[in-house]
Amino acid sequence: MARAQRPTNLARRLRRDLTDAERTLWHHIRDRRLGGWKFKRQVPVGGYVVDFLCADARLIIEVDGGQHAVRVAADAKRTEVLEAAGYLVLRFWNNDVLGNIDGVLEEIVATLPPDPPHPNPLPAGERGHG
């Protein structure tokens, strides 16, 4: 059980300590601001804490700083594990997010399915039947 707590505690700390690039992207995708899709930040998934997750679209967005230039193999393994779990992983460099947020958002939108799920679906017993 202690092992399950570590990613959760790390996620909480990372949510408090967003980088400037993460904070910028979060501003644009939070509260269903991006096409109605719901994103969460710093979420434990498959033994990792991912930067942003859209569970409905099975999309993970990672924002990488300069330290990732020397962690190519570790990042590739991380992506492989997450993709094997059924997620699509998009990676952006910090300088892309900070210098071209419109381009980053366009790429995310192009990756998402055309219609987000309804934010407040009716319970199964209350849906219309024809």
N, C-alpha and C. Protein backbone atom coordinates (compact mmCIF):
# COMPACT_ATOMS: atom_id res chain seq x y z
N MET A 1 0.83 -1.21 0.00
CA MET A 1 0.00 0.00 0.00
C MET A 1 0.86 1.26 0.00
N ALA A 2 2.00 1.22 0.67
CA ALA A 2 2.86 2.39 0.71
C ALA A 2 3.33 2.75 -0.70
N ARG A 3 3.52 1.74 -1.55
CA ARG A 3 3.95 2.01 -2.91
C ARG A 3 2.90 2.84 -3.67
N ALA A 4 1.62 2.57 -3.47
CA ALA A 4 0.57 3.32 -4.14
C ALA A 4 0.52 4.78 -3.66
N GLN A 5 0.94 5.02 -2.43
CA GLN A 5 0.91 6.38 -1.89
C GLN A 5 1.98 7.27 -2.53
N ARG A 6 3.14 6.70 -2.89
CA ARG A 6 4.22 7.52 -3.42
C ARG A 6 3.83 8.30 -4.67
N PRO A 7 3.22 7.69 -5.69
CA PRO A 7 2.82 8.50 -6.85
C PRO A 7 1.79 9.57 -6.49
N THR A 8 0.90 9.25 -5.57
CA THR A 8 -0.11 10.23 -5.18
C THR A 8 0.53 11.42 -4.48
N ASN A 9 1.45 11.15 -3.56
CA ASN A 9 2.14 12.24 -2.87
C ASN A 9 2.98 13.06 -3.84
N LEU A 10 3.65 12.39 -4.77
CA LEU A 10 4.43 13.10 -5.77
C LEU A 10 3.52 13.96 -6.63
N ALA A 11 2.38 13.42 -7.05
CA ALA A 11 1.44 14.17 -7.87
C ALA A 11 0.97 15.43 -7.14
N ARG A 12 0.67 15.30 -5.87
CA ARG A 12 0.24 16.48 -5.10
C ARG A 12 1.32 17.55 -5.08
N ARG A 13 2.56 17.13 -4.86
CA ARG A 13 3.67 18.08 -4.83
C ARG A 13 3.85 18.73 -6.20
N LEU A 14 3.78 17.94 -7.26
CA LEU A 14 3.95 18.49 -8.60
C LEU A 14 2.82 19.45 -8.98
N ARG A 15 1.61 19.20 -8.49
CA ARG A 15 0.50 20.12 -8.76
C ARG A 15 0.76 21.48 -8.10
N ARG A 16 1.43 21.47 -6.96
CA ARG A 16 1.76 22.73 -6.28
C ARG A 16 2.91 23.45 -6.96
N ASP A 17 3.82 22.69 -7.59
CA ASP A 17 5.06 23.25 -8.11
C ASP A 17 5.14 23.18 -9.63
N LEU A 18 4.11 23.64 -10.32
CA LEU A 18 4.12 23.62 -11.78
C LEU A 18 5.25 24.48 -12.33
N THR A 19 5.82 24.04 -13.44
CA THR A 19 6.79 24.89 -14.15
C THR A 19 6.03 26.00 -14.86
N ASP A 20 6.75 27.00 -15.34
CA ASP A 20 6.09 28.08 -16.08
C ASP A 20 5.37 27.54 -17.31
N ALA A 21 6.00 26.60 -18.02
CA ALA A 21 5.37 26.04 -19.22
C ALA A 21 4.12 25.23 -18.85
N GLU A 22 4.20 24.43 -17.79
CA GLU A 22 3.02 23.67 -17.35
C GLU A 22 1.90 24.61 -16.94
N ARG A 23 2.24 25.66 -16.22
CA ARG A 23 1.23 26.64 -15.78
C ARG A 23 0.57 27.30 -16.99
N THR A 24 1.36 27.64 -18.00
CA THR A 24 0.82 28.27 -19.21
C THR A 24 -0.15 27.33 -19.92
N LEU A 25 0.26 26.08 -20.13
CA LEU A 25 -0.61 25.13 -20.82
C LEU A 25 -1.86 24.87 -19.98
N TRP A 26 -1.71 24.70 -18.68
CA TRP A 26 -2.85 24.43 -17.80
C TRP A 26 -3.88 25.55 -17.90
N HIS A 27 -3.42 26.79 -17.97
CA HIS A 27 -4.34 27.93 -18.10
C HIS A 27 -5.25 27.77 -19.32
N HIS A 28 -4.74 27.18 -20.40
CA HIS A 28 -5.49 27.06 -21.64
C HIS A 28 -6.35 25.80 -21.73
N ILE A 29 -6.04 24.77 -20.93
CA ILE A 29 -6.79 23.52 -21.08
C ILE A 29 -7.67 23.19 -19.88
N ARG A 30 -7.55 23.93 -18.80
CA ARG A 30 -8.35 23.64 -17.61
C ARG A 30 -9.81 24.04 -17.81
N ASP A 31 -10.67 23.55 -16.96
CA ASP A 31 -12.09 23.92 -16.97
C ASP A 31 -12.76 23.73 -18.33
N ARG A 32 -12.36 22.68 -19.04
CA ARG A 32 -12.94 22.35 -20.35
C ARG A 32 -12.79 23.47 -21.38
N ARG A 33 -11.72 24.27 -21.23
CA ARG A 33 -11.49 25.41 -22.13
C ARG A 33 -11.06 24.99 -23.54
N LEU A 34 -10.57 23.78 -23.68
CA LEU A 34 -10.08 23.34 -24.98
C LEU A 34 -11.09 22.39 -25.61
N GLY A 35 -12.02 22.96 -26.34
CA GLY A 35 -12.99 22.16 -27.07
C GLY A 35 -13.95 21.36 -26.21
N GLY A 36 -14.06 21.73 -24.92
CA GLY A 36 -14.97 21.03 -24.03
C GLY A 36 -14.38 19.77 -23.39
N TRP A 37 -13.10 19.49 -23.63
CA TRP A 37 -12.47 18.29 -23.08
C TRP A 37 -11.97 18.55 -21.67
N LYS A 38 -12.13 17.57 -20.79
CA LYS A 38 -11.70 17.70 -19.39
C LYS A 38 -10.28 17.15 -19.24
N PHE A 39 -9.40 17.99 -18.76
CA PHE A 39 -8.02 17.60 -18.46
C PHE A 39 -7.78 17.67 -16.96
N LYS A 40 -6.92 16.78 -16.50
CA LYS A 40 -6.41 16.83 -15.12
C LYS A 40 -4.91 17.03 -15.21
N ARG A 41 -4.32 17.56 -14.14
CA ARG A 41 -2.88 17.78 -14.16
C ARG A 41 -2.20 16.91 -13.11
N GLN A 42 -0.99 16.49 -13.42
CA GLN A 42 -0.15 15.70 -12.52
C GLN A 42 -0.93 14.52 -11.94
N VAL A 43 -1.20 13.56 -12.80
CA VAL A 43 -2.05 12.42 -12.45
C VAL A 43 -1.23 11.13 -12.50
N PRO A 44 -1.31 10.28 -11.46
CA PRO A 44 -0.65 8.98 -11.52
C PRO A 44 -1.32 8.07 -12.56
N VAL A 45 -0.50 7.55 -13.49
CA VAL A 45 -0.98 6.63 -14.52
C VAL A 45 0.10 5.58 -14.75
N GLY A 46 -0.23 4.33 -14.57
CA GLY A 46 0.70 3.25 -14.88
C GLY A 46 2.05 3.32 -14.19
N GLY A 47 2.07 3.78 -12.95
CA GLY A 47 3.33 3.87 -12.22
C GLY A 47 4.09 5.17 -12.45
N TYR A 48 3.58 6.04 -13.28
CA TYR A 48 4.19 7.34 -13.56
C TYR A 48 3.22 8.44 -13.16
N VAL A 49 3.74 9.65 -12.98
CA VAL A 49 2.89 10.82 -12.80
C VAL A 49 3.00 11.61 -14.10
N VAL A 50 1.89 11.68 -14.84
CA VAL A 50 1.90 12.38 -16.13
C VAL A 50 1.50 13.83 -15.92
N ASP A 51 1.99 14.70 -16.79
CA ASP A 51 1.73 16.13 -16.63
C ASP A 51 0.25 16.46 -16.78
N PHE A 52 -0.36 16.01 -17.89
CA PHE A 52 -1.78 16.30 -18.13
C PHE A 52 -2.43 15.07 -18.72
N LEU A 53 -3.67 14.81 -18.30
CA LEU A 53 -4.40 13.64 -18.76
C LEU A 53 -5.81 14.05 -19.15
N CYS A 54 -6.22 13.63 -20.34
CA CYS A 54 -7.62 13.70 -20.76
C CYS A 54 -8.07 12.24 -20.82
N ALA A 55 -8.70 11.77 -19.76
CA ALA A 55 -9.07 10.36 -19.64
C ALA A 55 -10.07 9.95 -20.72
N ASP A 56 -11.02 10.82 -21.03
CA ASP A 56 -12.05 10.48 -22.02
C ASP A 56 -11.45 10.23 -23.40
N ALA A 57 -10.39 10.97 -23.75
CA ALA A 57 -9.75 10.81 -25.05
C ALA A 57 -8.54 9.88 -24.97
N ARG A 58 -8.20 9.40 -23.75
CA ARG A 58 -7.03 8.53 -23.54
C ARG A 58 -5.77 9.24 -24.05
N LEU A 59 -5.67 10.55 -23.73
CA LEU A 59 -4.57 11.38 -24.18
C LEU A 59 -3.77 11.89 -23.00
N ILE A 60 -2.46 11.73 -23.10
CA ILE A 60 -1.52 12.25 -22.10
C ILE A 60 -0.67 13.31 -22.79
N ILE A 61 -0.48 14.44 -22.11
CA ILE A 61 0.38 15.50 -22.62
C ILE A 61 1.52 15.68 -21.63
N GLU A 62 2.73 15.59 -22.14
CA GLU A 62 3.92 15.80 -21.33
C GLU A 62 4.61 17.07 -21.80
N VAL A 63 5.04 17.89 -20.85
CA VAL A 63 5.76 19.12 -21.14
C VAL A 63 7.17 18.93 -20.58
N ASP A 64 8.15 18.90 -21.49
CA ASP A 64 9.51 18.52 -21.13
C ASP A 64 10.45 19.71 -21.12
N GLY A 65 11.25 19.78 -20.06
CA GLY A 65 12.30 20.78 -19.96
C GLY A 65 13.61 20.22 -20.50
N GLY A 66 14.67 21.00 -20.38
CA GLY A 66 15.97 20.63 -20.91
C GLY A 66 16.53 19.33 -20.37
N GLN A 67 16.16 18.95 -19.15
CA GLN A 67 16.68 17.71 -18.56
C GLN A 67 16.26 16.48 -19.36
N HIS A 68 15.19 16.61 -20.13
CA HIS A 68 14.71 15.46 -20.91
C HIS A 68 15.59 15.19 -22.13
N ALA A 69 16.44 16.14 -22.51
CA ALA A 69 17.34 15.93 -23.64
C ALA A 69 18.36 14.83 -23.32
N VAL A 70 18.65 14.63 -22.05
CA VAL A 70 19.60 13.58 -21.65
C VAL A 70 18.87 12.36 -21.09
N ARG A 71 17.55 12.39 -21.08
CA ARG A 71 16.75 11.26 -20.57
C ARG A 71 15.93 10.63 -21.69
N VAL A 72 16.47 10.60 -22.89
CA VAL A 72 15.73 10.13 -24.05
C VAL A 72 15.28 8.68 -23.87
N ALA A 73 16.18 7.82 -23.41
CA ALA A 73 15.83 6.40 -23.25
C ALA A 73 14.75 6.22 -22.18
N ALA A 74 14.87 6.93 -21.06
CA ALA A 74 13.88 6.82 -19.99
C ALA A 74 12.52 7.34 -20.46
N ASP A 75 12.52 8.45 -21.20
CA ASP A 75 11.26 8.99 -21.72
C ASP A 75 10.64 8.05 -22.74
N ALA A 76 11.47 7.42 -23.57
CA ALA A 76 10.95 6.47 -24.57
C ALA A 76 10.31 5.28 -23.88
N LYS A 77 10.93 4.78 -22.81
CA LYS A 77 10.37 3.66 -22.06
C LYS A 77 9.05 4.07 -21.41
N ARG A 78 9.02 5.24 -20.83
CA ARG A 78 7.80 5.77 -20.21
C ARG A 78 6.67 5.85 -21.22
N THR A 79 6.97 6.41 -22.39
CA THR A 79 5.97 6.52 -23.45
C THR A 79 5.50 5.13 -23.88
N GLU A 80 6.42 4.20 -24.02
CA GLU A 80 6.08 2.83 -24.41
C GLU A 80 5.11 2.19 -23.41
N VAL A 81 5.37 2.35 -22.13
CA VAL A 81 4.51 1.78 -21.08
C VAL A 81 3.12 2.44 -21.14
N LEU A 82 3.07 3.75 -21.26
CA LEU A 82 1.79 4.46 -21.30
C LEU A 82 0.99 4.12 -22.56
N GLU A 83 1.67 4.00 -23.69
CA GLU A 83 0.97 3.62 -24.93
C GLU A 83 0.48 2.17 -24.87
N ALA A 84 1.24 1.30 -24.23
CA ALA A 84 0.81 -0.09 -24.06
C ALA A 84 -0.45 -0.17 -23.20
N ALA A 85 -0.63 0.83 -22.33
CA ALA A 85 -1.82 0.89 -21.48
C ALA A 85 -3.00 1.55 -22.21
N GLY A 86 -2.81 1.91 -23.47
CA GLY A 86 -3.91 2.44 -24.27
C GLY A 86 -3.98 3.95 -24.39
N TYR A 87 -2.92 4.65 -24.01
CA TYR A 87 -2.90 6.11 -24.09
C TYR A 87 -2.07 6.58 -25.28
N LEU A 88 -2.44 7.71 -25.82
CA LEU A 88 -1.61 8.41 -26.80
C LEU A 88 -0.85 9.47 -26.02
N VAL A 89 0.45 9.56 -26.26
CA VAL A 89 1.29 10.51 -25.53
C VAL A 89 1.79 11.58 -26.49
N LEU A 90 1.48 12.84 -26.19
CA LEU A 90 2.03 13.98 -26.92
C LEU A 90 3.08 14.64 -26.03
N ARG A 91 4.24 14.96 -26.62
CA ARG A 91 5.30 15.63 -25.87
C ARG A 91 5.60 16.97 -26.50
N PHE A 92 5.75 17.98 -25.66
CA PHE A 92 6.11 19.32 -26.11
C PHE A 92 7.27 19.81 -25.25
N TRP A 93 8.18 20.55 -25.86
CA TRP A 93 9.26 21.18 -25.10
C TRP A 93 8.71 22.44 -24.41
N ASN A 94 9.29 22.76 -23.27
CA ASN A 94 8.91 23.98 -22.55
C ASN A 94 8.92 25.20 -23.46
N ASN A 95 9.99 25.36 -24.27
CA ASN A 95 10.10 26.56 -25.10
C ASN A 95 9.01 26.61 -26.17
N ASP A 96 8.49 25.44 -26.61
CA ASP A 96 7.37 25.44 -27.55
C ASP A 96 6.10 25.96 -26.88
N VAL A 97 5.86 25.48 -25.66
CA VAL A 97 4.67 25.92 -24.92
C VAL A 97 4.75 27.42 -24.63
N LEU A 98 5.91 27.87 -24.19
CA LEU A 98 6.05 29.28 -23.82
C LEU A 98 6.12 30.21 -25.03
N GLY A 99 6.66 29.72 -26.16
CA GLY A 99 6.85 30.58 -27.31
C GLY A 99 5.84 30.40 -28.43
N ASN A 100 5.07 29.29 -28.39
CA ASN A 100 4.12 29.02 -29.47
C ASN A 100 2.90 28.28 -28.91
N ILE A 101 2.27 28.85 -27.92
CA ILE A 101 1.14 28.17 -27.27
C ILE A 101 0.01 27.91 -28.28
N ASP A 102 -0.20 28.80 -29.23
CA ASP A 102 -1.26 28.58 -30.22
C ASP A 102 -0.98 27.33 -31.06
N GLY A 103 0.26 27.15 -31.46
CA GLY A 103 0.64 25.97 -32.23
C GLY A 103 0.49 24.69 -31.42
N VAL A 104 0.87 24.74 -30.14
CA VAL A 104 0.72 23.59 -29.25
C VAL A 104 -0.75 23.24 -29.10
N LEU A 105 -1.59 24.24 -28.86
CA LEU A 105 -3.02 23.99 -28.70
C LEU A 105 -3.64 23.44 -29.99
N GLU A 106 -3.20 23.94 -31.13
CA GLU A 106 -3.69 23.43 -32.41
C GLU A 106 -3.35 21.96 -32.58
N GLU A 107 -2.14 21.58 -32.19
CA GLU A 107 -1.74 20.17 -32.31
C GLU A 107 -2.56 19.29 -31.37
N ILE A 108 -2.82 19.77 -30.17
CA ILE A 108 -3.64 19.00 -29.23
C ILE A 108 -5.05 18.83 -29.78
N VAL A 109 -5.65 19.92 -30.27
CA VAL A 109 -7.01 19.86 -30.81
C VAL A 109 -7.06 18.90 -32.00
N ALA A 110 -6.05 18.93 -32.86
CA ALA A 110 -6.01 18.04 -34.03
C ALA A 110 -5.93 16.57 -33.62
N THR A 111 -5.41 16.31 -32.43
CA THR A 111 -5.25 14.94 -31.93
C THR A 111 -6.52 14.44 -31.25
N LEU A 112 -7.29 15.34 -30.67
CA LEU A 112 -8.51 14.95 -29.94
C LEU A 112 -9.61 14.53 -30.92
N PRO A 113 -10.48 13.60 -30.50
CA PRO A 113 -11.65 13.29 -31.32
C PRO A 113 -12.51 14.54 -31.51
N PRO A 114 -13.36 14.57 -32.54
CA PRO A 114 -14.10 15.80 -32.85
C PRO A 114 -15.12 16.23 -31.79
N ASP A 115 -15.71 15.30 -31.06
CA ASP A 115 -16.74 15.67 -30.09
C ASP A 115 -16.42 15.15 -28.70
N PRO A 116 -16.31 16.08 -27.73
CA PRO A 116 -16.08 15.63 -26.35
C PRO A 116 -17.35 15.01 -25.78
N PRO A 117 -17.19 14.18 -24.75
CA PRO A 117 -18.40 13.65 -24.09
C PRO A 117 -19.13 14.77 -23.37
N HIS A 118 -20.42 14.60 -23.17
CA HIS A 118 -21.21 15.60 -22.45
C HIS A 118 -20.70 15.68 -21.02
N PRO A 119 -20.51 16.88 -20.47
CA PRO A 119 -19.97 17.00 -19.11
C PRO A 119 -20.91 16.46 -18.03
N ASN A 120 -22.21 16.42 -18.28
CA ASN A 120 -23.17 15.94 -17.29
C ASN A 120 -24.16 14.98 -17.96
N PRO A 121 -23.70 13.77 -18.32
CA PRO A 121 -24.62 12.86 -19.00
C PRO A 121 -25.73 12.41 -18.07
N LEU A 122 -26.88 12.12 -18.65
CA LEU A 122 -28.01 11.60 -17.87
C LEU A 122 -27.69 10.17 -17.42
N PRO A 123 -28.16 9.78 -16.24
CA PRO A 123 -28.00 8.38 -15.82
C PRO A 123 -28.68 7.47 -16.83
N ALA A 124 -28.22 6.23 -16.94
CA ALA A 124 -28.70 5.31 -17.96
C ALA A 124 -30.21 5.17 -17.94
N GLY A 125 -30.84 5.13 -16.77
CA GLY A 125 -32.28 4.96 -16.68
C GLY A 125 -33.09 6.17 -17.10
N GLU A 126 -32.43 7.33 -17.26
CA GLU A 126 -33.15 8.56 -17.60
C GLU A 126 -32.92 8.99 -19.05
N ARG A 127 -32.19 8.21 -19.82
CA ARG A 127 -31.97 8.57 -21.22
C ARG A 127 -33.20 8.26 -22.03
N GLY A 128 -33.46 9.10 -23.01
CA GLY A 128 -34.62 8.91 -23.88
C GLY A 128 -34.52 7.62 -24.67
N HIS A 129 -35.63 6.99 -24.94
CA HIS A 129 -35.65 5.74 -25.68
C HIS A 129 -36.46 5.89 -26.96
N GLY A 130 -36.06 6.79 -27.84
CA GLY A 130 -36.68 6.90 -29.14
C GLY A 130 -37.61 8.00 -29.23
